[in-house]
Amino acid sequence: MDPVFFFELSGESRDMPKAEAERCIEAECPRHAVTGWGPGYLTASFPEECLDGIADRIALTHSIGRYLGQYDPEEPGSLSRVQLPAGTFAIRAKRFEGMMKEVDSQKLVRSVGNILSKNNDVDLRDPDIIVRMQLCDKIHLFLEEKAVDRNIMEKRKVGERPFFSPISLHPKYARALINLTGAKKGDTVLDPFCGTGGIVIEAAEMGMKAIASDFDEDMVMGCRENMEFYGLKLHDHETIDIKDLPERFSEIDVIVTDPLYGRSTKTGGEDVRDIHSAAMSSIPKVLRADGRAGIILPYEMCEAEMRLDSVFKQHVHGSLSRYYHVFRNSNH
């Protein structure tokens, strides 16, 4: 029987971290099962050898580890069956978005620590094992095995690149959008509004064949410069208008893009809505049959030539929200 793993999700949006975790698991593990979910977490069973692949690509999860189960403070005896690996341990407790405020977390940590210390010694400074306690709809315990290193993605944000524009998606969200499409290693991933290359950088980092295009030649050249800066390969590139995309590309596995929008965006004189409409016409002609597209728009698009699989809303600031759409091609 495959082990069950606990995903400590971030709180970026209500549903997007859970969906991203599910797509990452599907992409890396042919054999898997989602066993539970709730506010701030998801549990899933899959072979242990899949864990590294999932952890290396996921963006909206804080940490992943072997699930120890739910804990009822009124029935402490339920923890007596928990077996920790050999070594010292420490417990780290966290409330998800302030939930379970009535519970004294420090008292809870001491209580759980007393039970688990019957077989393992406590070491608060330098433990061999970190037991994570998440307080949300219930009290969950898991062994932290993989912590997502946010600093790595911070080093690839727009201001750290040699060529940059102030309008660029943060690497964390670029990666999440790719993951939401279920793209796999080796897939061709095209961004037809590549800009400074934020999306193709993350695609290449995850072992995919990154392809970039844009109507602005300066952006395409800058994208190439950024890819070279990070030592990444650009599988193909082109300076091309979105209307002409089907003349140059075909049978692309996945398209992931954050099309231009907003007053400060360079559009070549075209209305932004017309550009979006042209993109939604060209993209299904370029995708392979049953291919997926991840597209961010400042509004929710419900009618398109492709089938809408899911959409996630992210509040940015003021009246601006981003809508992360995932479409499946039905044009073939």
Protein backbone atom coordinates (compact mmCIF):
# COMPACT_ATOMS: atom_id res chain seq x y z
CA MET A 1 0.00 0.00 0.00
CA ASP A 2 1.32 3.45 -0.94
CA PRO A 3 2.04 5.92 1.87
CA VAL A 4 -0.22 8.91 2.41
CA PHE A 5 1.35 12.37 2.19
CA PHE A 6 0.12 15.65 3.64
CA PHE A 7 0.39 18.85 1.56
CA GLU A 8 0.50 22.06 3.60
CA LEU A 9 -1.09 24.45 1.11
CA SER A 10 -0.55 28.19 0.93
CA GLY A 11 -3.42 30.64 1.19
CA GLU A 12 -3.00 32.47 -2.12
CA SER A 13 -6.53 31.71 -3.24
CA ARG A 14 -9.36 29.52 -2.08
CA ASP A 15 -9.02 26.67 -4.57
CA MET A 16 -5.87 27.19 -6.66
CA PRO A 17 -3.26 25.63 -4.30
CA LYS A 18 -5.34 22.45 -3.98
CA ALA A 19 -5.85 22.21 -7.74
CA GLU A 20 -2.15 22.78 -8.39
CA ALA A 21 -1.20 20.02 -5.96
CA GLU A 22 -3.62 17.61 -7.63
CA ARG A 23 -2.27 18.38 -11.13
CA CYS A 24 1.35 17.98 -9.94
CA ILE A 25 0.51 14.59 -8.42
CA GLU A 26 -1.24 13.49 -11.63
CA ALA A 27 1.67 14.64 -13.79
CA GLU A 28 4.31 12.82 -11.73
CA CYS A 29 2.42 9.72 -10.53
CA PRO A 30 0.35 7.44 -12.78
CA ARG A 31 -0.77 5.64 -9.60
CA HIS A 32 -2.22 7.95 -6.97
CA ALA A 33 -5.36 8.76 -4.99
CA VAL A 34 -6.46 11.96 -3.27
CA THR A 35 -7.59 10.80 0.17
CA GLY A 36 -8.77 14.03 1.75
CA TRP A 37 -8.68 17.82 1.74
CA GLY A 38 -9.77 20.80 3.74
CA PRO A 39 -8.80 24.41 4.44
CA GLY A 40 -5.04 24.63 3.91
CA TYR A 41 -4.29 20.98 3.17
CA LEU A 42 -4.64 18.01 0.89
CA THR A 43 -3.73 14.37 1.53
CA ALA A 44 -2.87 11.88 -1.21
CA SER A 45 -1.39 8.42 -1.52
CA PHE A 46 1.27 7.65 -4.13
CA PRO A 47 4.60 5.78 -4.40
CA GLU A 48 7.34 7.39 -2.34
CA GLU A 49 9.62 7.69 -5.38
CA CYS A 50 7.23 10.28 -6.85
CA LEU A 51 7.76 12.70 -3.96
CA ASP A 52 10.91 14.40 -5.28
CA GLY A 53 9.35 15.09 -8.68
CA ILE A 54 6.26 16.66 -7.11
CA ALA A 55 8.22 18.75 -4.60
CA ASP A 56 10.62 20.04 -7.27
CA ARG A 57 7.84 21.59 -9.34
CA ILE A 58 5.09 22.64 -6.93
CA ALA A 59 4.70 26.36 -6.16
CA LEU A 60 1.67 26.96 -3.93
CA THR A 61 2.51 24.44 -1.20
CA HIS A 62 4.69 25.20 1.82
CA SER A 63 5.74 21.66 2.75
CA ILE A 64 4.97 18.00 2.11
CA GLY A 65 5.45 14.99 4.36
CA ARG A 66 4.32 11.60 5.55
CA TYR A 67 0.85 11.94 7.09
CA LEU A 68 0.57 10.80 10.71
CA GLY A 69 -3.17 11.39 10.89
CA GLN A 70 -5.72 13.55 12.70
CA TYR A 71 -5.36 14.23 16.38
CA ASP A 72 -8.25 14.62 18.82
CA PRO A 73 -7.10 16.45 22.00
CA GLU A 74 -9.92 14.74 23.89
CA GLU A 75 -8.56 11.30 22.98
CA PRO A 76 -4.75 11.48 23.31
CA GLY A 77 -4.48 7.71 23.26
CA SER A 78 -4.98 7.76 19.49
CA LEU A 79 -1.38 8.98 19.15
CA SER A 80 0.10 6.00 20.97
CA ARG A 81 0.10 4.08 17.66
CA VAL A 82 2.23 6.69 15.88
CA GLN A 83 5.76 5.48 15.18
CA LEU A 84 8.36 8.11 14.38
CA PRO A 85 11.58 7.23 12.55
CA ALA A 86 14.67 6.85 14.72
CA GLY A 87 16.13 10.13 15.97
CA THR A 88 15.28 13.23 17.95
CA PHE A 89 12.22 15.31 17.13
CA ALA A 90 10.56 18.68 17.60
CA ILE A 91 6.99 19.76 16.94
CA ARG A 92 6.17 22.91 14.98
CA ALA A 93 2.55 24.09 15.15
CA LYS A 94 0.79 26.41 12.72
CA ARG A 95 -2.76 27.70 12.44
CA PHE A 96 -4.16 28.02 8.94
CA GLU A 97 -5.51 31.55 8.57
CA GLY A 98 -6.18 31.92 12.29
CA MET A 99 -8.41 28.85 12.62
CA MET A 100 -8.98 27.08 15.97
CA LYS A 101 -8.28 30.23 17.97
CA GLU A 102 -9.89 28.62 21.03
CA VAL A 103 -7.17 25.93 21.12
CA ASP A 104 -4.02 26.58 23.18
CA SER A 105 -1.41 25.52 20.62
CA GLN A 106 1.50 25.49 23.08
CA LYS A 107 -0.40 23.28 25.49
CA LEU A 108 -1.27 21.03 22.56
CA VAL A 109 2.38 20.80 21.48
CA ARG A 110 3.43 19.81 25.00
CA SER A 111 0.70 17.18 25.19
CA VAL A 112 1.61 15.61 21.84
CA GLY A 113 5.31 15.88 22.65
CA ASN A 114 4.84 13.94 25.89
CA ILE A 115 3.21 11.07 24.01
CA LEU A 116 5.71 10.94 21.15
CA SER A 117 8.72 11.24 23.49
CA LYS A 118 8.08 7.76 24.89
CA ASN A 119 10.06 6.36 21.96
CA ASN A 120 12.01 9.40 20.71
CA ASP A 121 13.93 12.16 22.49
CA VAL A 122 12.96 15.81 22.08
CA ASP A 123 15.50 18.26 20.64
CA LEU A 124 14.08 21.73 20.06
CA ARG A 125 17.24 23.26 18.59
CA ASP A 126 18.53 20.71 16.09
CA PRO A 127 16.07 17.82 15.72
CA ASP A 128 16.52 14.93 13.31
CA ILE A 129 12.77 14.93 12.65
CA ILE A 130 10.31 17.83 12.39
CA VAL A 131 6.73 16.91 13.22
CA ARG A 132 4.39 19.50 11.74
CA MET A 133 1.07 20.21 13.42
CA GLN A 134 -1.54 22.03 11.34
CA LEU A 135 -4.57 23.51 13.07
CA CYS A 136 -7.38 24.06 10.59
CA ASP A 137 -10.69 22.18 10.37
CA LYS A 138 -9.00 19.50 12.50
CA ILE A 139 -5.60 18.96 14.04
CA HIS A 140 -3.30 17.19 11.59
CA LEU A 141 0.20 15.81 12.13
CA PHE A 142 2.79 15.02 9.48
CA LEU A 143 6.52 14.46 9.17
CA GLU A 144 8.08 17.26 7.14
CA GLU A 145 10.05 15.67 4.29
CA LYS A 146 10.04 18.38 1.64
CA ALA A 147 9.88 22.13 2.29
CA VAL A 148 9.38 24.28 -0.80
CA ASP A 149 12.27 26.75 -1.09
CA ARG A 150 10.60 30.05 -1.96
CA ASN A 151 13.98 31.81 -2.12
CA ILE A 152 14.87 29.98 -5.35
CA MET A 153 11.84 31.45 -7.12
CA GLU A 154 12.51 34.87 -5.59
CA LYS A 155 15.91 34.84 -7.31
CA ARG A 156 14.17 34.52 -10.68
CA LYS A 157 11.66 37.34 -10.20
CA VAL A 158 11.59 40.15 -12.74
CA GLY A 159 13.98 42.56 -11.00
CA GLU A 160 16.71 39.90 -10.84
CA ARG A 161 16.77 39.30 -14.61
CA PRO A 162 19.20 41.14 -16.92
CA PHE A 163 16.29 42.10 -19.21
CA PHE A 164 13.09 43.07 -17.44
CA SER A 165 9.82 44.91 -17.67
CA PRO A 166 7.89 46.09 -14.61
CA ILE A 167 4.88 44.14 -15.91
CA SER A 168 5.69 40.49 -15.29
CA LEU A 169 4.13 37.55 -13.50
CA HIS A 170 5.95 36.42 -10.35
CA PRO A 171 7.79 33.09 -10.89
CA LYS A 172 5.62 31.43 -8.25
CA TYR A 173 2.43 32.15 -10.17
CA ALA A 174 4.01 31.44 -13.55
CA ARG A 175 4.98 28.02 -12.26
CA ALA A 176 1.55 27.46 -10.69
CA LEU A 177 -0.17 28.29 -13.99
CA ILE A 178 2.01 25.75 -15.83
CA ASN A 179 1.26 23.15 -13.17
CA LEU A 180 -2.48 23.78 -13.37
CA THR A 181 -2.40 22.60 -17.00
CA GLY A 182 -0.87 19.27 -15.92
CA ALA A 183 2.15 19.74 -18.22
CA LYS A 184 4.72 16.94 -17.94
CA LYS A 185 8.48 16.81 -18.35
CA GLY A 186 9.34 16.77 -22.05
CA ASP A 187 6.10 18.50 -23.12
CA THR A 188 6.32 21.46 -25.51
CA VAL A 189 5.15 24.58 -23.68
CA LEU A 190 4.53 27.73 -25.71
CA ASP A 191 4.00 31.25 -24.37
CA PRO A 192 2.76 33.42 -27.28
CA PHE A 193 3.00 36.60 -25.16
CA CYS A 194 6.40 35.75 -23.73
CA GLY A 195 7.42 39.24 -22.59
CA THR A 196 10.58 38.93 -20.51
CA GLY A 197 10.25 35.14 -20.40
CA GLY A 198 8.89 34.48 -16.93
CA ILE A 199 6.70 31.56 -17.98
CA VAL A 200 9.20 29.87 -20.33
CA ILE A 201 11.92 30.19 -17.67
CA GLU A 202 9.78 28.18 -15.24
CA ALA A 203 8.78 25.66 -17.94
CA ALA A 204 12.42 25.00 -18.82
CA GLU A 205 13.34 24.76 -15.13
CA MET A 206 10.76 21.96 -14.83
CA GLY A 207 12.24 19.98 -17.74
CA MET A 208 9.80 21.05 -20.46
CA LYS A 209 10.60 22.20 -24.01
CA ALA A 210 10.08 25.95 -23.73
CA ILE A 211 8.95 27.93 -26.80
CA ALA A 212 8.57 31.72 -26.81
CA SER A 213 6.89 34.14 -29.18
CA ASP A 214 5.75 37.75 -29.06
CA PHE A 215 4.84 40.47 -31.55
CA ASP A 216 7.56 42.68 -30.02
CA GLU A 217 11.04 41.67 -31.25
CA ASP A 218 12.70 43.39 -28.27
CA MET A 219 10.77 41.13 -25.91
CA VAL A 220 11.74 37.98 -27.79
CA MET A 221 15.41 39.00 -27.75
CA GLY A 222 15.18 39.91 -24.07
CA CYS A 223 13.51 36.58 -23.31
CA ARG A 224 16.42 34.79 -25.03
CA GLU A 225 18.88 36.84 -22.98
CA ASN A 226 17.14 35.89 -19.74
CA MET A 227 17.06 32.20 -20.65
CA GLU A 228 20.80 32.28 -21.35
CA PHE A 229 21.39 34.09 -18.04
CA TYR A 230 19.81 31.18 -16.15
CA GLY A 231 21.54 28.56 -18.30
CA LEU A 232 18.27 27.33 -19.79
CA LYS A 233 17.51 26.15 -23.32
CA LEU A 234 14.89 27.85 -25.45
CA HIS A 235 13.56 25.09 -27.69
CA ASP A 236 12.18 27.52 -30.29
CA HIS A 237 11.25 31.20 -30.61
CA GLU A 238 9.63 33.59 -33.05
CA THR A 239 8.63 37.23 -33.42
CA ILE A 240 5.05 36.91 -34.60
CA ASP A 241 1.61 38.42 -34.13
CA ILE A 242 -0.88 36.26 -32.24
CA LYS A 243 -3.16 36.15 -35.33
CA ASP A 244 -0.39 34.48 -37.35
CA LEU A 245 0.56 31.93 -34.71
CA PRO A 246 -1.04 28.92 -36.51
CA GLU A 247 1.16 29.61 -39.57
CA ARG A 248 4.27 28.97 -37.49
CA PHE A 249 3.38 26.48 -34.74
CA SER A 250 1.28 23.33 -34.49
CA GLU A 251 0.76 20.27 -32.30
CA ILE A 252 1.93 22.12 -29.17
CA ASP A 253 1.28 20.11 -26.00
CA VAL A 254 0.52 23.04 -23.70
CA ILE A 255 0.13 26.80 -24.10
CA VAL A 256 0.62 28.90 -20.99
CA THR A 257 0.40 32.66 -21.16
CA ASP A 258 -0.34 35.91 -19.36
CA PRO A 259 -1.54 38.14 -22.22
CA LEU A 260 -0.98 41.84 -22.15
CA TYR A 261 -3.58 44.04 -20.48
CA GLY A 262 -3.70 47.39 -18.67
CA ARG A 263 -3.07 50.98 -19.64
CA SER A 264 0.74 50.81 -19.59
CA THR A 265 0.91 47.77 -21.86
CA LYS A 266 2.45 48.06 -25.32
CA THR A 267 -0.21 46.78 -27.75
CA GLY A 268 0.89 48.10 -31.15
CA GLY A 269 -2.23 50.25 -31.30
CA GLU A 270 -4.71 47.38 -30.97
CA ASP A 271 -7.47 47.20 -28.39
CA VAL A 272 -6.59 44.74 -25.64
CA ARG A 273 -9.92 42.92 -25.91
CA ASP A 274 -9.35 42.41 -29.65
CA ILE A 275 -5.94 40.91 -28.89
CA HIS A 276 -7.48 38.55 -26.34
CA SER A 277 -10.15 37.54 -28.87
CA ALA A 278 -7.50 36.86 -31.52
CA ALA A 279 -5.54 34.77 -29.01
CA MET A 280 -8.57 32.66 -28.15
CA SER A 281 -9.07 32.02 -31.87
CA SER A 282 -5.42 31.12 -32.62
CA ILE A 283 -4.56 29.04 -29.56
CA PRO A 284 -6.82 26.02 -30.27
CA LYS A 285 -5.43 25.84 -33.83
CA VAL A 286 -1.91 25.55 -32.45
CA LEU A 287 -2.60 23.06 -29.65
CA ARG A 288 -2.63 19.33 -30.23
CA ALA A 289 -5.92 17.50 -29.84
CA ASP A 290 -6.86 17.44 -26.16
CA GLY A 291 -3.98 19.80 -25.33
CA ARG A 292 -4.44 22.30 -22.52
CA ALA A 293 -4.02 26.04 -22.22
CA GLY A 294 -3.43 28.06 -19.07
CA ILE A 295 -4.41 31.68 -19.66
CA ILE A 296 -4.57 34.62 -17.24
CA LEU A 297 -7.07 37.37 -18.00
CA PRO A 298 -8.33 40.36 -15.98
CA TYR A 299 -11.87 39.03 -16.37
CA GLU A 300 -13.55 35.62 -16.40
CA MET A 301 -14.04 34.16 -19.86
CA CYS A 302 -16.77 31.54 -20.04
CA GLU A 303 -17.34 31.23 -23.79
CA ALA A 304 -14.48 30.05 -25.99
CA GLU A 305 -13.65 27.57 -28.73
CA MET A 306 -11.92 25.48 -26.07
CA ARG A 307 -13.63 23.75 -23.15
CA LEU A 308 -13.13 25.51 -19.83
CA ASP A 309 -11.83 23.01 -17.27
CA SER A 310 -11.43 25.42 -14.35
CA VAL A 311 -10.95 29.06 -13.42
CA PHE A 312 -9.40 30.56 -10.28
CA LYS A 313 -9.71 34.15 -9.10
CA GLN A 314 -6.76 35.96 -7.52
CA HIS A 315 -7.24 39.44 -6.06
CA VAL A 316 -4.22 41.61 -6.90
CA HIS A 317 -5.02 45.12 -5.62
CA GLY A 318 -7.84 47.63 -5.76
CA SER A 319 -10.26 46.58 -8.47
CA LEU A 320 -7.72 44.39 -10.30
CA SER A 321 -8.16 40.63 -10.14
CA ARG A 322 -6.51 37.94 -12.21
CA TYR A 323 -8.47 34.95 -13.47
CA TYR A 324 -6.39 31.83 -14.05
CA HIS A 325 -8.21 29.84 -16.76
CA VAL A 326 -7.43 26.25 -17.73
CA PHE A 327 -8.88 25.21 -21.09
CA ARG A 328 -8.84 21.85 -22.88
CA ASN A 329 -8.66 21.90 -26.66
CA SER A 330 -11.83 20.72 -28.38
CA ASN A 331 -11.05 22.16 -31.79
CA HIS A 332 -10.03 18.82 -33.34
